[in-house]
Amino acid sequence: MKIEALISAEVERLSKKFNKDYLELKDVMEITGLGRDKVREIFNSKDFPLSSYGHKKTVTIMAFVIWQMKNNTNGGIYE
């Protein structure tokens, strides 16, 4: 299966599960199984595709899936 198909399938799955096109801190905690402090560390990392709207920090599902795949194949930040 091509990487584009994997990304597309995962984006669709997460969009349906969370019923939105973006993820918040609590959503990323649920997906990764990590605690609040570790996810905050990830959100504040230089390479994480974070969007900020005032005090609200989010990441689009597409950007998160691509980031997650990149980090998991290269020995990522949350091992």
Protein backbone atom coordinates (compact mmCIF):
# COMPACT_ATOMS: atom_id res chain seq x y z
CA MET A 1 0.00 0.00 0.00
CA LYS A 2 1.33 3.43 -0.88
CA ILE A 3 2.07 5.97 1.82
CA GLU A 4 -0.52 8.37 0.37
CA ALA A 5 -3.24 5.76 0.77
CA LEU A 6 -2.16 5.06 4.36
CA ILE A 7 -2.21 8.76 5.21
CA SER A 8 -5.60 9.24 3.58
CA ALA A 9 -7.11 6.26 5.40
CA GLU A 10 -5.77 7.41 8.78
CA VAL A 11 -6.95 10.99 8.26
CA GLU A 12 -10.41 9.73 7.37
CA ARG A 13 -10.48 7.39 10.38
CA LEU A 14 -9.46 10.11 12.85
CA SER A 15 -11.78 12.69 11.30
CA LYS A 16 -14.71 10.34 11.77
CA LYS A 17 -13.66 9.33 15.28
CA PHE A 18 -13.30 12.90 16.57
CA ASN A 19 -15.90 14.44 14.22
CA LYS A 20 -13.62 17.35 13.31
CA ASP A 21 -10.65 18.22 11.09
CA TYR A 22 -8.27 19.23 13.87
CA LEU A 23 -6.96 17.80 17.12
CA GLU A 24 -6.55 19.39 20.51
CA LEU A 25 -4.19 18.38 23.32
CA LYS A 26 -6.68 15.92 24.83
CA ASP A 27 -7.23 14.26 21.44
CA VAL A 28 -3.50 13.75 20.91
CA MET A 29 -3.27 12.34 24.45
CA GLU A 30 -5.97 9.80 23.57
CA ILE A 31 -4.35 8.84 20.24
CA THR A 32 -0.81 8.47 21.58
CA GLY A 33 -1.58 7.22 25.08
CA LEU A 34 0.81 9.82 26.48
CA GLY A 35 0.25 12.08 29.45
CA ARG A 36 -0.51 15.79 29.38
CA ASP A 37 3.08 16.91 30.09
CA LYS A 38 4.58 14.80 27.32
CA VAL A 39 1.98 15.93 24.79
CA ARG A 40 2.62 19.56 25.78
CA GLU A 41 6.31 18.90 25.17
CA ILE A 42 5.44 17.53 21.72
CA PHE A 43 3.16 20.51 20.99
CA ASN A 44 6.04 22.85 21.87
CA SER A 45 8.66 20.97 19.85
CA LYS A 46 10.17 22.78 16.89
CA ASP A 47 9.06 20.28 14.24
CA PHE A 48 5.45 19.81 15.40
CA PRO A 49 2.89 21.39 13.00
CA LEU A 50 1.00 23.35 15.64
CA SER A 51 -1.56 26.06 14.93
CA SER A 52 -2.42 28.60 17.60
CA TYR A 53 -5.64 30.56 17.76
CA GLY A 54 -5.34 32.83 20.76
CA HIS A 55 -4.77 30.48 23.68
CA LYS A 56 -6.11 27.45 21.82
CA LYS A 57 -3.49 25.17 20.28
CA THR A 58 -4.52 22.67 17.63
CA VAL A 59 -3.07 20.60 14.81
CA THR A 60 -4.87 19.57 11.65
CA ILE A 61 -5.42 15.84 11.44
CA MET A 62 -3.58 15.68 8.12
CA ALA A 63 -0.52 17.46 9.56
CA PHE A 64 -0.59 15.28 12.68
CA VAL A 65 -0.76 12.02 10.72
CA ILE A 66 2.13 13.06 8.48
CA TRP A 67 4.16 14.20 11.50
CA GLN A 68 3.39 10.99 13.37
CA MET A 69 4.40 8.76 10.47
CA LYS A 70 7.61 10.70 9.95
CA ASN A 71 8.53 10.49 13.63
CA ASN A 72 7.61 6.83 14.01
CA THR A 73 9.76 5.80 11.06
CA ASN A 74 12.74 7.88 12.19
CA GLY A 75 12.78 7.11 15.91
CA GLY A 76 10.56 9.94 16.96
CA ILE A 77 10.18 12.15 19.97
CA TYR A 78 7.76 10.02 21.97
CA GLU A 79 9.46 6.67 22.19
